[in-house]
């Protein structure tokens, strides 16, 4: 492990990550070691410097998806608490460099906690970043967390009707329709830390802003972590308002289909 000098652009992104981690903890969306955050930082570094820095370093074996060779990723650690990113980001997370045949990685910054290892969801995050690099290169950040009301919706029968779930969440207030315009993907259950989970999440991001993992949590991708947070925050607000209406014993009137269509000019 080494600690290279970070470009100022990377330092800026790390500050955003610390801030968003605080939001997640305050909202009770990151209990214990729940959730993880990653970001593709490859474009912020000079690759020649990284190759020089990692020459002769030991790479930890890991079978990454082909196409990720040379990626530089920020990622949180397994067993680490997201709340630790607020003040101790270099202990609870790291920046790693994937070798040139995608068979291993070396940590180039952070990971200072004893016994540190990247999150067990590393395969999912690397696969999503590869998909983004090939299809949506503007999306550099991935945030997975446990938004309370969205998780409840993943246990509701509406989860089996994605279009209707989105319509009912969108209708709760105009901002949800405007700021989560592609809506929520109802992503079928897959075991954590597996290639299967990566695949269903990538399928989700082909059409939606937010992937709602059945009976688990939600994941969003965006150009930076603050925008990913916004997708999750706004989507969860719609779910919360809907659940509040049901808890109060009535079906909400909601925005009409015509009113929802009218809002499309702002998306």
C-alpha atoms as a PDB file:
ATOM      1  CA  UNK A   1       0.000   0.000   0.000  1.00  0.00           C
ATOM      2  CA  UNK A   2       1.148   3.522  -0.754  1.00  0.00           C
ATOM      3  CA  UNK A   3      -0.327   6.975  -0.522  1.00  0.00           C
ATOM      4  CA  UNK A   4       0.193   8.948  -3.690  1.00  0.00           C
ATOM      5  CA  UNK A   5      -0.335  12.655  -4.001  1.00  0.00           C
ATOM      6  CA  UNK A   6      -3.967  13.201  -4.905  1.00  0.00           C
ATOM      7  CA  UNK A   7      -4.978  15.609  -7.681  1.00  0.00           C
ATOM      8  CA  UNK A   8      -7.070  18.514  -6.411  1.00  0.00           C
ATOM      9  CA  UNK A   9     -10.070  17.223  -8.397  1.00  0.00           C
ATOM     10  CA  UNK A  10      -9.905  13.939  -6.484  1.00  0.00           C
ATOM     11  CA  UNK A  11      -9.689  15.756  -3.143  1.00  0.00           C
ATOM     12  CA  UNK A  12     -12.831  17.653  -4.126  1.00  0.00           C
ATOM     13  CA  UNK A  13     -14.681  14.404  -4.852  1.00  0.00           C
ATOM     14  CA  UNK A  14     -13.538  12.891  -1.549  1.00  0.00           C
ATOM     15  CA  UNK A  15     -15.037  15.847   0.310  1.00  0.00           C
ATOM     16  CA  UNK A  16     -18.363  15.222  -1.451  1.00  0.00           C
ATOM     17  CA  UNK A  17     -18.207  11.552  -0.466  1.00  0.00           C
ATOM     18  CA  UNK A  18     -17.612  12.451   3.191  1.00  0.00           C
ATOM     19  CA  UNK A  19     -20.553  14.853   3.100  1.00  0.00           C
ATOM     20  CA  UNK A  20     -22.917  12.319   1.517  1.00  0.00           C
ATOM     21  CA  UNK A  21     -21.831   9.644   4.012  1.00  0.00           C
ATOM     22  CA  UNK A  22     -22.961  12.018   6.741  1.00  0.00           C
ATOM     23  CA  UNK A  23     -26.350  12.410   5.069  1.00  0.00           C
ATOM     24  CA  UNK A  24     -26.780   8.624   4.845  1.00  0.00           C
ATOM     25  CA  UNK A  25     -25.928   8.148   8.506  1.00  0.00           C
ATOM     26  CA  UNK A  26     -28.230  10.947   9.667  1.00  0.00           C
ATOM     27  CA  UNK A  27     -31.114   9.481   7.687  1.00  0.00           C
ATOM     28  CA  UNK A  28     -30.624   6.018   9.240  1.00  0.00           C
ATOM     29  CA  UNK A  29     -29.851   4.590   5.819  1.00  0.00           C
ATOM     30  CA  UNK A  30     -26.446   3.192   6.793  1.00  0.00           C
ATOM     31  CA  UNK A  31     -26.814   1.060   9.888  1.00  0.00           C
ATOM     32  CA  UNK A  32     -23.589  -0.548  11.122  1.00  0.00           C
ATOM     33  CA  UNK A  33     -21.602  -1.491   7.981  1.00  0.00           C
ATOM     34  CA  UNK A  34     -24.545  -1.281   5.572  1.00  0.00           C
ATOM     35  CA  UNK A  35     -24.059   0.249   2.147  1.00  0.00           C
ATOM     36  CA  UNK A  36     -21.052   1.195   0.081  1.00  0.00           C
ATOM     37  CA  UNK A  37     -19.829   3.953  -2.212  1.00  0.00           C
ATOM     38  CA  UNK A  38     -17.504   3.849  -5.196  1.00  0.00           C
ATOM     39  CA  UNK A  39     -16.309   6.234  -7.867  1.00  0.00           C
ATOM     40  CA  UNK A  40     -14.360   5.819 -11.087  1.00  0.00           C
ATOM     41  CA  UNK A  41     -11.448   8.232 -10.709  1.00  0.00           C
ATOM     42  CA  UNK A  42      -9.446   7.022 -13.712  1.00  0.00           C
ATOM     43  CA  UNK A  43      -9.871  10.244 -15.667  1.00  0.00           C
ATOM     44  CA  UNK A  44      -8.500  12.347 -12.797  1.00  0.00           C
ATOM     45  CA  UNK A  45      -5.073  10.681 -12.757  1.00  0.00           C
ATOM     46  CA  UNK A  46      -2.108  10.628 -15.134  1.00  0.00           C
ATOM     47  CA  UNK A  47      -1.784   6.947 -15.969  1.00  0.00           C
ATOM     48  CA  UNK A  48       1.995   7.216 -16.446  1.00  0.00           C
ATOM     49  CA  UNK A  49       2.338   8.365 -12.838  1.00  0.00           C
ATOM     50  CA  UNK A  50       0.233   5.464 -11.602  1.00  0.00           C
ATOM     51  CA  UNK A  51       2.210   2.884 -13.568  1.00  0.00           C
ATOM     52  CA  UNK A  52       5.432   4.348 -12.170  1.00  0.00           C
ATOM     53  CA  UNK A  53       4.027   4.426  -8.642  1.00  0.00           C
ATOM     54  CA  UNK A  54       2.838   0.807  -8.756  1.00  0.00           C
ATOM     55  CA  UNK A  55       5.902  -0.671 -10.458  1.00  0.00           C
ATOM     56  CA  UNK A  56       7.167  -3.557  -8.365  1.00  0.00           C
ATOM     57  CA  UNK A  57       4.126  -3.458  -6.064  1.00  0.00           C
ATOM     58  CA  UNK A  58       2.326  -6.637  -5.025  1.00  0.00           C
ATOM     59  CA  UNK A  59      -1.135  -6.947  -6.554  1.00  0.00           C
ATOM     60  CA  UNK A  60      -3.903  -8.697  -4.635  1.00  0.00           C
ATOM     61  CA  UNK A  61      -5.418 -11.375  -6.919  1.00  0.00           C
ATOM     62  CA  UNK A  62      -9.000 -10.633  -7.980  1.00  0.00           C
ATOM     63  CA  UNK A  63     -10.875 -11.579 -11.151  1.00  0.00           C
ATOM     64  CA  UNK A  64     -12.254  -8.285 -12.460  1.00  0.00           C
ATOM     65  CA  UNK A  65     -14.449  -8.057 -15.550  1.00  0.00           C
ATOM     66  CA  UNK A  66     -12.385  -7.790 -18.727  1.00  0.00           C
ATOM     67  CA  UNK A  67     -12.315  -4.173 -19.779  1.00  0.00           C
ATOM     68  CA  UNK A  68     -11.615  -2.775 -16.318  1.00  0.00           C
ATOM     69  CA  UNK A  69      -7.841  -3.070 -16.658  1.00  0.00           C
ATOM     70  CA  UNK A  70      -6.199   0.199 -15.695  1.00  0.00           C
ATOM     71  CA  UNK A  71      -9.264   1.504 -13.837  1.00  0.00           C
ATOM     72  CA  UNK A  72      -8.632   3.599 -10.727  1.00  0.00           C
ATOM     73  CA  UNK A  73     -11.517   3.256  -8.293  1.00  0.00           C
ATOM     74  CA  UNK A  74     -12.423   4.815  -4.977  1.00  0.00           C
ATOM     75  CA  UNK A  75     -14.272   2.229  -2.919  1.00  0.00           C
ATOM     76  CA  UNK A  76     -15.307   1.678   0.674  1.00  0.00           C
ATOM     77  CA  UNK A  77     -13.983  -1.197   2.767  1.00  0.00           C
ATOM     78  CA  UNK A  78     -15.594  -4.451   3.799  1.00  0.00           C
ATOM     79  CA  UNK A  79     -16.942  -4.232   7.326  1.00  0.00           C
ATOM     80  CA  UNK A  80     -16.338  -0.479   7.400  1.00  0.00           C
ATOM     81  CA  UNK A  81     -19.034   1.904   8.544  1.00  0.00           C
ATOM     82  CA  UNK A  82     -20.123   4.626   6.139  1.00  0.00           C
ATOM     83  CA  UNK A  83     -20.235   7.042   9.077  1.00  0.00           C
ATOM     84  CA  UNK A  84     -16.454   6.602   9.300  1.00  0.00           C
ATOM     85  CA  UNK A  85     -16.132   8.313   5.915  1.00  0.00           C
ATOM     86  CA  UNK A  86     -17.086  11.584   7.569  1.00  0.00           C
ATOM     87  CA  UNK A  87     -13.833  11.986   9.515  1.00  0.00           C
ATOM     88  CA  UNK A  88     -11.652   8.949   8.694  1.00  0.00           C
ATOM     89  CA  UNK A  89     -12.143   8.383   4.997  1.00  0.00           C
ATOM     90  CA  UNK A  90      -8.571   7.130   4.491  1.00  0.00           C
ATOM     91  CA  UNK A  91      -9.206   4.361   7.031  1.00  0.00           C
ATOM     92  CA  UNK A  92     -12.656   3.264   5.885  1.00  0.00           C
ATOM     93  CA  UNK A  93     -12.049   3.475   2.132  1.00  0.00           C
ATOM     94  CA  UNK A  94      -9.304   3.321  -0.437  1.00  0.00           C
ATOM     95  CA  UNK A  95      -8.349   4.194  -3.987  1.00  0.00           C
ATOM     96  CA  UNK A  96      -7.197   1.114  -5.858  1.00  0.00           C
ATOM     97  CA  UNK A  97      -5.570   0.512  -9.226  1.00  0.00           C
ATOM     98  CA  UNK A  98      -6.593  -2.505 -11.304  1.00  0.00           C
ATOM     99  CA  UNK A  99      -3.644  -4.106 -13.072  1.00  0.00           C
ATOM    100  CA  UNK A 100      -3.253  -4.249 -16.831  1.00  0.00           C
ATOM    101  CA  UNK A 101      -4.799  -7.684 -17.255  1.00  0.00           C
ATOM    102  CA  UNK A 102      -7.646  -7.166 -14.732  1.00  0.00           C
ATOM    103  CA  UNK A 103      -6.463 -10.010 -12.488  1.00  0.00           C
ATOM    104  CA  UNK A 104      -5.622  -8.008  -9.385  1.00  0.00           C
ATOM    105  CA  UNK A 105      -5.445  -4.649  -7.652  1.00  0.00           C
ATOM    106  CA  UNK A 106      -3.152  -2.614  -5.472  1.00  0.00           C
ATOM    107  CA  UNK A 107      -4.205   0.114  -3.059  1.00  0.00           C
ATOM    108  CA  UNK A 108      -2.601   3.437  -3.956  1.00  0.00           C
ATOM    109  CA  UNK A 109      -4.287   5.587  -1.285  1.00  0.00           C
ATOM    110  CA  UNK A 110      -6.137   5.009   1.980  1.00  0.00           C
ATOM    111  CA  UNK A 111      -7.071   1.645   3.397  1.00  0.00           C
ATOM    112  CA  UNK A 112      -5.159   2.462   6.566  1.00  0.00           C
ATOM    113  CA  UNK A 113      -7.350   0.438   8.921  1.00  0.00           C
ATOM    114  CA  UNK A 114      -5.692  -2.773  10.101  1.00  0.00           C
ATOM    115  CA  UNK A 115      -6.867  -5.717   7.996  1.00  0.00           C
ATOM    116  CA  UNK A 116      -8.519  -3.419   5.445  1.00  0.00           C
ATOM    117  CA  UNK A 117     -10.025  -4.976   2.315  1.00  0.00           C
ATOM    118  CA  UNK A 118     -12.303  -3.404  -0.302  1.00  0.00           C
ATOM    119  CA  UNK A 119     -16.020  -4.071   0.057  1.00  0.00           C
ATOM    120  CA  UNK A 120     -17.249  -7.549  -0.746  1.00  0.00           C
ATOM    121  CA  UNK A 121     -19.405  -5.847  -3.399  1.00  0.00           C
ATOM    122  CA  UNK A 122     -16.245  -5.006  -5.369  1.00  0.00           C
ATOM    123  CA  UNK A 123     -17.273  -7.192  -8.317  1.00  0.00           C
ATOM    124  CA  UNK A 124     -20.650  -5.430  -8.553  1.00  0.00           C
ATOM    125  CA  UNK A 125     -19.129  -1.960  -8.416  1.00  0.00           C
ATOM    126  CA  UNK A 126     -16.377  -2.757 -10.934  1.00  0.00           C
ATOM    127  CA  UNK A 127     -18.953  -4.232 -13.327  1.00  0.00           C
ATOM    128  CA  UNK A 128     -21.210  -1.180 -13.038  1.00  0.00           C
ATOM    129  CA  UNK A 129     -18.274   1.166 -13.647  1.00  0.00           C
ATOM    130  CA  UNK A 130     -17.334  -0.831 -16.753  1.00  0.00           C
ATOM    131  CA  UNK A 131     -20.928  -0.601 -18.020  1.00  0.00           C
ATOM    132  CA  UNK A 132     -20.953   3.151 -17.364  1.00  0.00           C
ATOM    133  CA  UNK A 133     -17.584   3.671 -19.057  1.00  0.00           C
ATOM    134  CA  UNK A 134     -18.913   1.962 -22.179  1.00  0.00           C
ATOM    135  CA  UNK A 135     -22.457   3.356 -22.186  1.00  0.00           C
ATOM    136  CA  UNK A 136     -22.788   6.369 -19.860  1.00  0.00           C
ATOM    137  CA  UNK A 137     -19.254   7.749 -19.343  1.00  0.00           C
ATOM    138  CA  UNK A 138     -20.602  10.780 -17.518  1.00  0.00           C
ATOM    139  CA  UNK A 139     -21.684   8.535 -14.613  1.00  0.00           C
ATOM    140  CA  UNK A 140     -18.667   8.091 -12.353  1.00  0.00           C
ATOM    141  CA  UNK A 141     -20.271   7.499  -8.945  1.00  0.00           C
ATOM    142  CA  UNK A 142     -22.205   4.561  -7.490  1.00  0.00           C
ATOM    143  CA  UNK A 143     -23.987   4.806  -4.136  1.00  0.00           C
ATOM    144  CA  UNK A 144     -25.639   1.806  -2.466  1.00  0.00           C
ATOM    145  CA  UNK A 145     -27.585   2.389   0.738  1.00  0.00           C
ATOM    146  CA  UNK A 146     -30.694   1.312   2.643  1.00  0.00           C
ATOM    147  CA  UNK A 147     -33.431   3.966   2.214  1.00  0.00           C
ATOM    148  CA  UNK A 148     -36.164   2.967   4.649  1.00  0.00           C
ATOM    149  CA  UNK A 149     -39.300   3.723   2.680  1.00  0.00           C
ATOM    150  CA  UNK A 150     -37.962   2.400  -0.612  1.00  0.00           C
ATOM    151  CA  UNK A 151     -37.057  -0.873   1.078  1.00  0.00           C
ATOM    152  CA  UNK A 152     -40.623  -1.129   2.388  1.00  0.00           C
ATOM    153  CA  UNK A 153     -41.882  -0.622  -1.173  1.00  0.00           C
ATOM    154  CA  UNK A 154     -39.682  -3.512  -2.330  1.00  0.00           C
ATOM    155  CA  UNK A 155     -41.779  -5.786  -0.067  1.00  0.00           C
ATOM    156  CA  UNK A 156     -45.102  -4.420  -1.421  1.00  0.00           C
ATOM    157  CA  UNK A 157     -47.106  -6.093  -4.218  1.00  0.00           C
ATOM    158  CA  UNK A 158     -46.534  -2.932  -6.316  1.00  0.00           C
ATOM    159  CA  UNK A 159     -42.930  -4.054  -6.683  1.00  0.00           C
ATOM    160  CA  UNK A 160     -44.156  -6.587  -9.232  1.00  0.00           C
ATOM    161  CA  UNK A 161     -45.592  -3.783 -11.398  1.00  0.00           C
ATOM    162  CA  UNK A 162     -42.724  -1.397 -12.099  1.00  0.00           C
ATOM    163  CA  UNK A 163     -44.680   1.048 -14.249  1.00  0.00           C
ATOM    164  CA  UNK A 164     -47.448   1.400 -11.674  1.00  0.00           C
ATOM    165  CA  UNK A 165     -45.002   1.698  -8.787  1.00  0.00           C
ATOM    166  CA  UNK A 166     -43.297   4.581 -10.561  1.00  0.00           C
ATOM    167  CA  UNK A 167     -46.592   6.236 -11.445  1.00  0.00           C
ATOM    168  CA  UNK A 168     -47.750   6.144  -7.832  1.00  0.00           C
ATOM    169  CA  UNK A 169     -44.442   7.467  -6.511  1.00  0.00           C
ATOM    170  CA  UNK A 170     -44.235  10.176  -9.192  1.00  0.00           C
ATOM    171  CA  UNK A 171     -47.779  11.349  -8.482  1.00  0.00           C
ATOM    172  CA  UNK A 172     -46.970  12.236  -4.877  1.00  0.00           C
ATOM    173  CA  UNK A 173     -45.258  15.532  -5.725  1.00  0.00           C
ATOM    174  CA  UNK A 174     -43.955  17.291  -8.850  1.00  0.00           C
ATOM    175  CA  UNK A 175     -40.309  17.196  -7.741  1.00  0.00           C
ATOM    176  CA  UNK A 176     -40.207  13.395  -7.845  1.00  0.00           C
ATOM    177  CA  UNK A 177     -41.359  13.372 -11.469  1.00  0.00           C
ATOM    178  CA  UNK A 178     -38.905  16.117 -12.430  1.00  0.00           C
ATOM    179  CA  UNK A 179     -35.792  14.996 -10.561  1.00  0.00           C
ATOM    180  CA  UNK A 180     -36.106  11.225 -10.973  1.00  0.00           C
ATOM    181  CA  UNK A 181     -37.372  11.366 -14.570  1.00  0.00           C
ATOM    182  CA  UNK A 182     -36.362   7.834 -15.580  1.00  0.00           C
ATOM    183  CA  UNK A 183     -37.840   6.404 -12.414  1.00  0.00           C
ATOM    184  CA  UNK A 184     -37.034   3.409 -10.251  1.00  0.00           C
ATOM    185  CA  UNK A 185     -36.148  -0.054 -11.496  1.00  0.00           C
ATOM    186  CA  UNK A 186     -37.660  -2.935  -9.525  1.00  0.00           C
ATOM    187  CA  UNK A 187     -34.566  -5.116  -9.469  1.00  0.00           C
ATOM    188  CA  UNK A 188     -35.221  -8.780  -8.645  1.00  0.00           C
ATOM    189  CA  UNK A 189     -33.522 -10.328  -5.650  1.00  0.00           C
ATOM    190  CA  UNK A 190     -29.953 -11.529  -6.058  1.00  0.00           C
ATOM    191  CA  UNK A 191     -27.443 -12.581  -3.428  1.00  0.00           C
ATOM    192  CA  UNK A 192     -25.064  -9.883  -2.221  1.00  0.00           C
ATOM    193  CA  UNK A 193     -21.461  -9.954  -3.445  1.00  0.00           C
ATOM    194  CA  UNK A 194     -22.260 -11.982  -6.562  1.00  0.00           C
ATOM    195  CA  UNK A 195     -21.981 -11.481 -10.302  1.00  0.00           C
ATOM    196  CA  UNK A 196     -25.745 -12.077 -10.461  1.00  0.00           C
ATOM    197  CA  UNK A 197     -26.364  -8.933  -8.406  1.00  0.00           C
ATOM    198  CA  UNK A 198     -24.057  -6.961 -10.686  1.00  0.00           C
ATOM    199  CA  UNK A 199     -25.932  -8.185 -13.758  1.00  0.00           C
ATOM    200  CA  UNK A 200     -29.419  -7.266 -12.534  1.00  0.00           C
ATOM    201  CA  UNK A 201     -28.176  -3.845 -11.403  1.00  0.00           C
ATOM    202  CA  UNK A 202     -26.601  -3.142 -14.781  1.00  0.00           C
ATOM    203  CA  UNK A 203     -29.885  -4.175 -16.412  1.00  0.00           C
ATOM    204  CA  UNK A 204     -31.598  -1.623 -14.185  1.00  0.00           C
ATOM    205  CA  UNK A 205     -29.283   1.207 -15.187  1.00  0.00           C
ATOM    206  CA  UNK A 206     -30.030   0.620 -18.866  1.00  0.00           C
ATOM    207  CA  UNK A 207     -33.419   2.267 -18.344  1.00  0.00           C
ATOM    208  CA  UNK A 208     -33.660   3.842 -14.878  1.00  0.00           C
ATOM    209  CA  UNK A 209     -31.895   6.244 -12.506  1.00  0.00           C
ATOM    210  CA  UNK A 210     -32.355   4.123  -9.404  1.00  0.00           C
ATOM    211  CA  UNK A 211     -32.126   0.365  -8.872  1.00  0.00           C
ATOM    212  CA  UNK A 212     -34.349  -0.801  -6.009  1.00  0.00           C
ATOM    213  CA  UNK A 213     -32.873  -4.133  -4.908  1.00  0.00           C
ATOM    214  CA  UNK A 214     -35.716  -6.391  -3.806  1.00  0.00           C
ATOM    215  CA  UNK A 215     -35.804  -6.780   0.000  1.00  0.00           C
ATOM    216  CA  UNK A 216     -32.360  -5.200   0.348  1.00  0.00           C
ATOM    217  CA  UNK A 217     -31.767  -1.535  -0.498  1.00  0.00           C
ATOM    218  CA  UNK A 218     -31.268   0.851  -3.393  1.00  0.00           C
ATOM    219  CA  UNK A 219     -28.410   1.878  -5.660  1.00  0.00           C
ATOM    220  CA  UNK A 220     -27.983   4.934  -7.859  1.00  0.00           C
ATOM    221  CA  UNK A 221     -25.360   6.025 -10.348  1.00  0.00           C
ATOM    222  CA  UNK A 222     -24.621   9.591 -11.426  1.00  0.00           C
ATOM    223  CA  UNK A 223     -21.726  11.907 -12.385  1.00  0.00           C
ATOM    224  CA  UNK A 224     -20.834  12.392  -8.707  1.00  0.00           C
ATOM    225  CA  UNK A 225     -21.971  11.139  -5.308  1.00  0.00           C
ATOM    226  CA  UNK A 226     -24.084  14.210  -4.556  1.00  0.00           C
ATOM    227  CA  UNK A 227     -26.181  13.666  -7.663  1.00  0.00           C
ATOM    228  CA  UNK A 228     -26.505   9.953  -6.872  1.00  0.00           C
ATOM    229  CA  UNK A 229     -27.653  10.948  -3.372  1.00  0.00           C
ATOM    230  CA  UNK A 230     -30.231  13.311  -4.886  1.00  0.00           C
ATOM    231  CA  UNK A 231     -31.729  10.511  -6.984  1.00  0.00           C
ATOM    232  CA  UNK A 232     -32.110   8.318  -3.903  1.00  0.00           C
ATOM    233  CA  UNK A 233     -33.304  11.122  -1.624  1.00  0.00           C
ATOM    234  CA  UNK A 234     -36.013  12.340  -3.983  1.00  0.00           C
ATOM    235  CA  UNK A 235     -37.165   8.840  -4.951  1.00  0.00           C
ATOM    236  CA  UNK A 236     -37.433   7.894  -1.293  1.00  0.00           C
ATOM    237  CA  UNK A 237     -39.472  11.030  -0.573  1.00  0.00           C
ATOM    238  CA  UNK A 238     -42.097   9.873  -3.051  1.00  0.00           C
ATOM    239  CA  UNK A 239     -42.202   6.434  -1.422  1.00  0.00           C
ATOM    240  CA  UNK A 240     -42.428   8.002   2.054  1.00  0.00           C
ATOM    241  CA  UNK A 241     -45.339  10.257   1.096  1.00  0.00           C
ATOM    242  CA  UNK A 242     -47.191   7.320  -0.427  1.00  0.00           C
ATOM    243  CA  UNK A 243     -46.694   5.183   2.674  1.00  0.00           C
ATOM    244  CA  UNK A 244     -47.764   8.091   4.908  1.00  0.00           C
ATOM    245  CA  UNK A 245     -51.010   8.400   2.970  1.00  0.00           C
ATOM    246  CA  UNK A 246     -51.745   4.705   3.279  1.00  0.00           C
ATOM    247  CA  UNK A 247     -50.860   4.783   6.993  1.00  0.00           C
ATOM    248  CA  UNK A 248     -53.341   7.646   7.456  1.00  0.00           C
ATOM    249  CA  UNK A 249     -56.010   5.421   5.929  1.00  0.00           C
ATOM    250  CA  UNK A 250     -56.638   6.996   2.545  1.00  0.00           C
ATOM    251  CA  UNK A 251     -55.622   6.649  -1.081  1.00  0.00           C
ATOM    252  CA  UNK A 252     -53.884   9.878  -2.140  1.00  0.00           C
ATOM    253  CA  UNK A 253     -55.424  11.872  -4.984  1.00  0.00           C
ATOM    254  CA  UNK A 254     -51.998  12.437  -6.474  1.00  0.00           C
ATOM    255  CA  UNK A 255     -51.085  14.228  -9.670  1.00  0.00           C
ATOM    256  CA  UNK A 256     -53.174  13.139 -12.629  1.00  0.00           C
ATOM    257  CA  UNK A 257     -51.651  11.442 -15.654  1.00  0.00           C
ATOM    258  CA  UNK A 258     -52.157  14.702 -17.568  1.00  0.00           C
ATOM    259  CA  UNK A 259     -50.330  16.678 -14.882  1.00  0.00           C
ATOM    260  CA  UNK A 260     -47.464  14.158 -14.891  1.00  0.00           C
ATOM    261  CA  UNK A 261     -47.194  14.469 -18.666  1.00  0.00           C
ATOM    262  CA  UNK A 262     -47.160  18.265 -18.367  1.00  0.00           C
ATOM    263  CA  UNK A 263     -44.127  18.029 -16.063  1.00  0.00           C
ATOM    264  CA  UNK A 264     -42.076  16.236 -18.704  1.00  0.00           C
ATOM    265  CA  UNK A 265     -41.029  19.623 -20.133  1.00  0.00           C
ATOM    266  CA  UNK A 266     -38.894  20.123 -17.000  1.00  0.00           C
ATOM    267  CA  UNK A 267     -37.133  16.740 -17.080  1.00  0.00           C
END
